[in-house]
Amino acid sequence: MKILQKLGSYVLVASLVVLGSCNNDDGGGGGSTSGYHVNAKVDGQDYSNSNLFAPSAIITNGILNIQSSDNSGNAISIQVPNYTGPGTYNSGNNNIMNGYINYMKAGATIGQFTSYTSVRGDGVVTITEETDTEVVGTFSATAFENVDNSTNSVEITEGSFRAEL
């Protein structure tokens, strides 16, 4: 199980790097000038995507994925399965098929992090707008550390996003 968790974490980090490099903001200002953002409070502390690149979203086979990372290496990842457009989607109940809101907290060294997931808690994503170029919405979650029997958790509140599709 630990190998699967580490592999999943490496895939997430690699995805964030790849998605971040796909920003087409020709102005060079990154996420702070594009209008695209992921903002939230994690245990009361402000989270805001990196000013180096904007968050991104993709819809594939009815699954919406939104990726974001901040300048400190922390990341928020949202997955909405069975996505059908604007509406409210719940995650949790220890069922990955319900989707998730994940928070990865960077550690003191490269590759060291703690992963929290709403799969072990609960979360809600509300999509308020979808166009050909972006998706807009809000989110919140109680996300538990993604290790067996952990009682450590984070509260993600006041989440909002505008991500480029």
C-alpha atoms as a PDB file:
ATOM      1  CA  MET A   1       0.000   0.000   0.000  1.00  0.00           C
ATOM      2  CA  LYS A   2       2.861   2.419   0.788  1.00  0.00           C
ATOM      3  CA  ILE A   3       4.376   1.814  -2.646  1.00  0.00           C
ATOM      4  CA  LEU A   4       1.034   2.606  -4.297  1.00  0.00           C
ATOM      5  CA  GLN A   5       0.703   5.807  -2.245  1.00  0.00           C
ATOM      6  CA  LYS A   6       4.237   6.916  -3.139  1.00  0.00           C
ATOM      7  CA  LEU A   7       3.673   6.112  -6.811  1.00  0.00           C
ATOM      8  CA  GLY A   8       0.429   8.101  -6.799  1.00  0.00           C
ATOM      9  CA  SER A   9       2.183  11.002  -5.139  1.00  0.00           C
ATOM     10  CA  TYR A  10       4.999  10.995  -7.707  1.00  0.00           C
ATOM     11  CA  VAL A  11       2.434  10.939 -10.517  1.00  0.00           C
ATOM     12  CA  LEU A  12       0.644  13.929  -8.955  1.00  0.00           C
ATOM     13  CA  VAL A  13       3.870  15.925  -8.604  1.00  0.00           C
ATOM     14  CA  ALA A  14       4.885  15.088 -12.175  1.00  0.00           C
ATOM     15  CA  SER A  15       1.423  16.104 -13.392  1.00  0.00           C
ATOM     16  CA  LEU A  16       1.700  19.436 -11.626  1.00  0.00           C
ATOM     17  CA  VAL A  17       5.056  20.120 -13.270  1.00  0.00           C
ATOM     18  CA  VAL A  18       3.763  19.159 -16.724  1.00  0.00           C
ATOM     19  CA  LEU A  19       0.508  21.075 -16.369  1.00  0.00           C
ATOM     20  CA  GLY A  20       2.348  24.105 -15.062  1.00  0.00           C
ATOM     21  CA  SER A  21       4.667  24.100 -18.041  1.00  0.00           C
ATOM     22  CA  CYS A  22       1.661  24.137 -20.397  1.00  0.00           C
ATOM     23  CA  ASN A  23       0.658  27.682 -19.495  1.00  0.00           C
ATOM     24  CA  ASN A  24       0.175  29.729 -22.655  1.00  0.00           C
ATOM     25  CA  ASP A  25       0.309  33.130 -20.970  1.00  0.00           C
ATOM     26  CA  ASP A  26       2.473  35.007 -23.457  1.00  0.00           C
ATOM     27  CA  GLY A  27       2.770  37.959 -21.078  1.00  0.00           C
ATOM     28  CA  GLY A  28       5.078  35.916 -18.852  1.00  0.00           C
ATOM     29  CA  GLY A  29       3.225  36.932 -15.709  1.00  0.00           C
ATOM     30  CA  GLY A  30       1.878  33.509 -14.842  1.00  0.00           C
ATOM     31  CA  GLY A  31      -1.197  32.864 -12.733  1.00  0.00           C
ATOM     32  CA  SER A  32      -1.273  36.242 -11.055  1.00  0.00           C
ATOM     33  CA  THR A  33      -2.041  38.177 -14.242  1.00  0.00           C
ATOM     34  CA  SER A  34      -4.119  35.641 -16.171  1.00  0.00           C
ATOM     35  CA  GLY A  35      -7.160  35.771 -13.892  1.00  0.00           C
ATOM     36  CA  TYR A  36      -6.881  32.015 -13.381  1.00  0.00           C
ATOM     37  CA  HIS A  37      -6.509  31.035  -9.737  1.00  0.00           C
ATOM     38  CA  VAL A  38      -7.037  28.493  -6.989  1.00  0.00           C
ATOM     39  CA  ASN A  39      -7.470  30.114  -3.582  1.00  0.00           C
ATOM     40  CA  ALA A  40      -8.443  28.568  -0.263  1.00  0.00           C
ATOM     41  CA  LYS A  41      -7.759  28.526   3.434  1.00  0.00           C
ATOM     42  CA  VAL A  42      -6.048  25.375   4.704  1.00  0.00           C
ATOM     43  CA  ASP A  43      -6.413  25.191   8.471  1.00  0.00           C
ATOM     44  CA  GLY A  44      -6.961  28.954   8.380  1.00  0.00           C
ATOM     45  CA  GLN A  45      -3.792  29.691   6.373  1.00  0.00           C
ATOM     46  CA  ASP A  46      -4.067  31.274   2.923  1.00  0.00           C
ATOM     47  CA  TYR A  47      -3.339  29.090  -0.097  1.00  0.00           C
ATOM     48  CA  SER A  48      -2.966  30.716  -3.497  1.00  0.00           C
ATOM     49  CA  ASN A  49      -1.596  29.211  -6.682  1.00  0.00           C
ATOM     50  CA  SER A  50       1.895  30.096  -7.835  1.00  0.00           C
ATOM     51  CA  ASN A  51       2.464  33.375  -9.601  1.00  0.00           C
ATOM     52  CA  LEU A  52       4.748  31.462 -12.001  1.00  0.00           C
ATOM     53  CA  PHE A  53       1.970  29.531 -13.735  1.00  0.00           C
ATOM     54  CA  ALA A  54      -1.788  29.334 -13.692  1.00  0.00           C
ATOM     55  CA  PRO A  55      -3.803  26.348 -12.509  1.00  0.00           C
ATOM     56  CA  SER A  56      -5.266  24.149 -15.208  1.00  0.00           C
ATOM     57  CA  ALA A  57      -8.219  21.880 -15.734  1.00  0.00           C
ATOM     58  CA  ILE A  58      -8.992  19.046 -18.112  1.00  0.00           C
ATOM     59  CA  ILE A  59     -12.128  17.040 -18.784  1.00  0.00           C
ATOM     60  CA  THR A  60     -11.449  13.513 -20.033  1.00  0.00           C
ATOM     61  CA  ASN A  61     -13.964  10.674 -20.266  1.00  0.00           C
ATOM     62  CA  GLY A  62     -16.414  12.505 -17.999  1.00  0.00           C
ATOM     63  CA  ILE A  63     -13.797  13.250 -15.309  1.00  0.00           C
ATOM     64  CA  LEU A  64     -12.881  16.837 -14.410  1.00  0.00           C
ATOM     65  CA  ASN A  65      -9.376  17.306 -12.984  1.00  0.00           C
ATOM     66  CA  ILE A  66      -8.062  20.618 -11.643  1.00  0.00           C
ATOM     67  CA  GLN A  67      -4.390  21.034 -10.639  1.00  0.00           C
ATOM     68  CA  SER A  68      -2.673  23.849  -8.776  1.00  0.00           C
ATOM     69  CA  SER A  69       0.502  24.420  -6.797  1.00  0.00           C
ATOM     70  CA  ASP A  70       1.842  27.369  -4.842  1.00  0.00           C
ATOM     71  CA  ASN A  71       5.300  28.935  -4.719  1.00  0.00           C
ATOM     72  CA  SER A  72       6.209  26.806  -1.661  1.00  0.00           C
ATOM     73  CA  GLY A  73       5.547  23.459  -3.357  1.00  0.00           C
ATOM     74  CA  ASN A  74       2.162  22.824  -1.731  1.00  0.00           C
ATOM     75  CA  ALA A  75      -0.573  21.640  -4.090  1.00  0.00           C
ATOM     76  CA  ILE A  76      -4.329  21.285  -4.397  1.00  0.00           C
ATOM     77  CA  SER A  77      -5.808  18.716  -6.748  1.00  0.00           C
ATOM     78  CA  ILE A  78      -9.525  18.264  -7.396  1.00  0.00           C
ATOM     79  CA  GLN A  79     -11.154  15.370  -9.237  1.00  0.00           C
ATOM     80  CA  VAL A  80     -14.851  15.238 -10.122  1.00  0.00           C
ATOM     81  CA  PRO A  81     -15.910  11.916 -11.675  1.00  0.00           C
ATOM     82  CA  ASN A  82     -19.168  11.637 -13.626  1.00  0.00           C
ATOM     83  CA  TYR A  83     -18.847  15.315 -14.453  1.00  0.00           C
ATOM     84  CA  THR A  84     -21.845  16.652 -16.384  1.00  0.00           C
ATOM     85  CA  GLY A  85     -21.347  20.418 -16.128  1.00  0.00           C
ATOM     86  CA  PRO A  86     -22.311  23.068 -13.573  1.00  0.00           C
ATOM     87  CA  GLY A  87     -23.660  21.646 -10.330  1.00  0.00           C
ATOM     88  CA  THR A  88     -22.601  20.359  -6.921  1.00  0.00           C
ATOM     89  CA  TYR A  89     -20.449  17.247  -6.520  1.00  0.00           C
ATOM     90  CA  ASN A  90     -19.644  15.503  -3.215  1.00  0.00           C
ATOM     91  CA  SER A  91     -16.615  13.380  -2.343  1.00  0.00           C
ATOM     92  CA  GLY A  92     -15.693  11.211   0.607  1.00  0.00           C
ATOM     93  CA  ASN A  93     -17.175   8.192   2.347  1.00  0.00           C
ATOM     94  CA  ASN A  94     -13.897   6.283   1.843  1.00  0.00           C
ATOM     95  CA  ASN A  95     -14.811   5.798  -1.810  1.00  0.00           C
ATOM     96  CA  ILE A  96     -12.338   7.046  -4.443  1.00  0.00           C
ATOM     97  CA  MET A  97     -15.094   6.692  -7.048  1.00  0.00           C
ATOM     98  CA  ASN A  98     -16.732   9.774  -5.456  1.00  0.00           C
ATOM     99  CA  GLY A  99     -13.755  11.919  -6.483  1.00  0.00           C
ATOM    100  CA  TYR A 100     -11.544  13.935  -4.186  1.00  0.00           C
ATOM    101  CA  ILE A 101     -10.054  17.181  -3.032  1.00  0.00           C
ATOM    102  CA  ASN A 102      -6.394  16.586  -2.167  1.00  0.00           C
ATOM    103  CA  TYR A 103      -3.924  18.848  -0.418  1.00  0.00           C
ATOM    104  CA  MET A 104      -0.205  18.088  -0.537  1.00  0.00           C
ATOM    105  CA  LYS A 105       1.904  19.918   2.019  1.00  0.00           C
ATOM    106  CA  ALA A 106       5.559  20.228   1.054  1.00  0.00           C
ATOM    107  CA  GLY A 107       8.153  19.035   3.542  1.00  0.00           C
ATOM    108  CA  ALA A 108      11.575  20.400   4.415  1.00  0.00           C
ATOM    109  CA  THR A 109      13.342  18.583   1.555  1.00  0.00           C
ATOM    110  CA  ILE A 110      12.523  17.909  -2.093  1.00  0.00           C
ATOM    111  CA  GLY A 111      10.231  14.927  -2.435  1.00  0.00           C
ATOM    112  CA  GLN A 112       9.124  15.080   1.190  1.00  0.00           C
ATOM    113  CA  PHE A 113       5.437  15.895   1.655  1.00  0.00           C
ATOM    114  CA  THR A 114       2.277  14.989   3.514  1.00  0.00           C
ATOM    115  CA  SER A 115      -0.806  14.147   1.467  1.00  0.00           C
ATOM    116  CA  TYR A 116      -4.348  14.788   2.709  1.00  0.00           C
ATOM    117  CA  THR A 117      -7.483  13.591   0.907  1.00  0.00           C
ATOM    118  CA  SER A 118     -11.217  14.143   1.149  1.00  0.00           C
ATOM    119  CA  VAL A 119     -11.673  10.477   0.209  1.00  0.00           C
ATOM    120  CA  ARG A 120     -11.061   9.703   3.896  1.00  0.00           C
ATOM    121  CA  GLY A 121     -13.240  12.648   4.971  1.00  0.00           C
ATOM    122  CA  ASP A 122     -15.674  14.636   2.898  1.00  0.00           C
ATOM    123  CA  GLY A 123     -15.667  17.394   0.360  1.00  0.00           C
ATOM    124  CA  VAL A 124     -17.871  19.399  -1.942  1.00  0.00           C
ATOM    125  CA  VAL A 125     -17.127  21.040  -5.289  1.00  0.00           C
ATOM    126  CA  THR A 126     -19.625  23.404  -6.875  1.00  0.00           C
ATOM    127  CA  ILE A 127     -19.093  24.254 -10.516  1.00  0.00           C
ATOM    128  CA  THR A 128     -20.765  27.584 -11.256  1.00  0.00           C
ATOM    129  CA  GLU A 129     -19.600  28.117 -14.834  1.00  0.00           C
ATOM    130  CA  GLU A 130     -18.003  26.164 -17.666  1.00  0.00           C
ATOM    131  CA  THR A 131     -17.045  27.577 -21.064  1.00  0.00           C
ATOM    132  CA  ASP A 132     -14.912  26.276 -23.898  1.00  0.00           C
ATOM    133  CA  THR A 133     -11.853  27.828 -22.225  1.00  0.00           C
ATOM    134  CA  GLU A 134     -12.377  27.725 -18.451  1.00  0.00           C
ATOM    135  CA  VAL A 135     -14.160  26.242 -15.475  1.00  0.00           C
ATOM    136  CA  VAL A 136     -15.179  28.264 -12.402  1.00  0.00           C
ATOM    137  CA  GLY A 137     -16.357  27.159  -8.984  1.00  0.00           C
ATOM    138  CA  THR A 138     -15.922  26.728  -5.235  1.00  0.00           C
ATOM    139  CA  PHE A 139     -14.805  23.901  -2.963  1.00  0.00           C
ATOM    140  CA  SER A 140     -14.305  22.852   0.655  1.00  0.00           C
ATOM    141  CA  ALA A 141     -13.216  19.672   2.416  1.00  0.00           C
ATOM    142  CA  THR A 142     -12.209  17.888   5.543  1.00  0.00           C
ATOM    143  CA  ALA A 143      -9.189  15.968   4.286  1.00  0.00           C
ATOM    144  CA  PHE A 144      -7.435  13.294   6.338  1.00  0.00           C
ATOM    145  CA  GLU A 145      -3.790  12.333   5.961  1.00  0.00           C
ATOM    146  CA  ASN A 146      -3.567   9.682   3.275  1.00  0.00           C
ATOM    147  CA  VAL A 147      -2.107   6.891   5.411  1.00  0.00           C
ATOM    148  CA  ASP A 148      -3.927   4.011   7.082  1.00  0.00           C
ATOM    149  CA  ASN A 149      -5.561   4.824  10.430  1.00  0.00           C
ATOM    150  CA  SER A 150      -4.327   8.442  10.525  1.00  0.00           C
ATOM    151  CA  THR A 151      -6.363  10.930  12.521  1.00  0.00           C
ATOM    152  CA  ASN A 152      -4.414  13.968  11.218  1.00  0.00           C
ATOM    153  CA  SER A 153      -6.525  16.195   9.008  1.00  0.00           C
ATOM    154  CA  VAL A 154      -6.781  19.631   7.428  1.00  0.00           C
ATOM    155  CA  GLU A 155      -9.840  21.805   6.923  1.00  0.00           C
ATOM    156  CA  ILE A 156     -10.009  23.375   3.482  1.00  0.00           C
ATOM    157  CA  THR A 157     -12.427  26.304   3.453  1.00  0.00           C
ATOM    158  CA  GLU A 158     -13.295  29.293   1.277  1.00  0.00           C
ATOM    159  CA  GLY A 159     -11.975  27.504  -1.796  1.00  0.00           C
ATOM    160  CA  SER A 160     -12.503  29.086  -5.189  1.00  0.00           C
ATOM    161  CA  PHE A 161     -11.065  28.515  -8.627  1.00  0.00           C
ATOM    162  CA  ARG A 162     -11.046  29.759 -12.195  1.00  0.00           C
ATOM    163  CA  ALA A 163      -8.965  27.310 -14.200  1.00  0.00           C
ATOM    164  CA  GLU A 164      -8.050  27.189 -17.859  1.00  0.00           C
ATOM    165  CA  LEU A 165      -9.464  24.213 -19.774  1.00  0.00           C
END
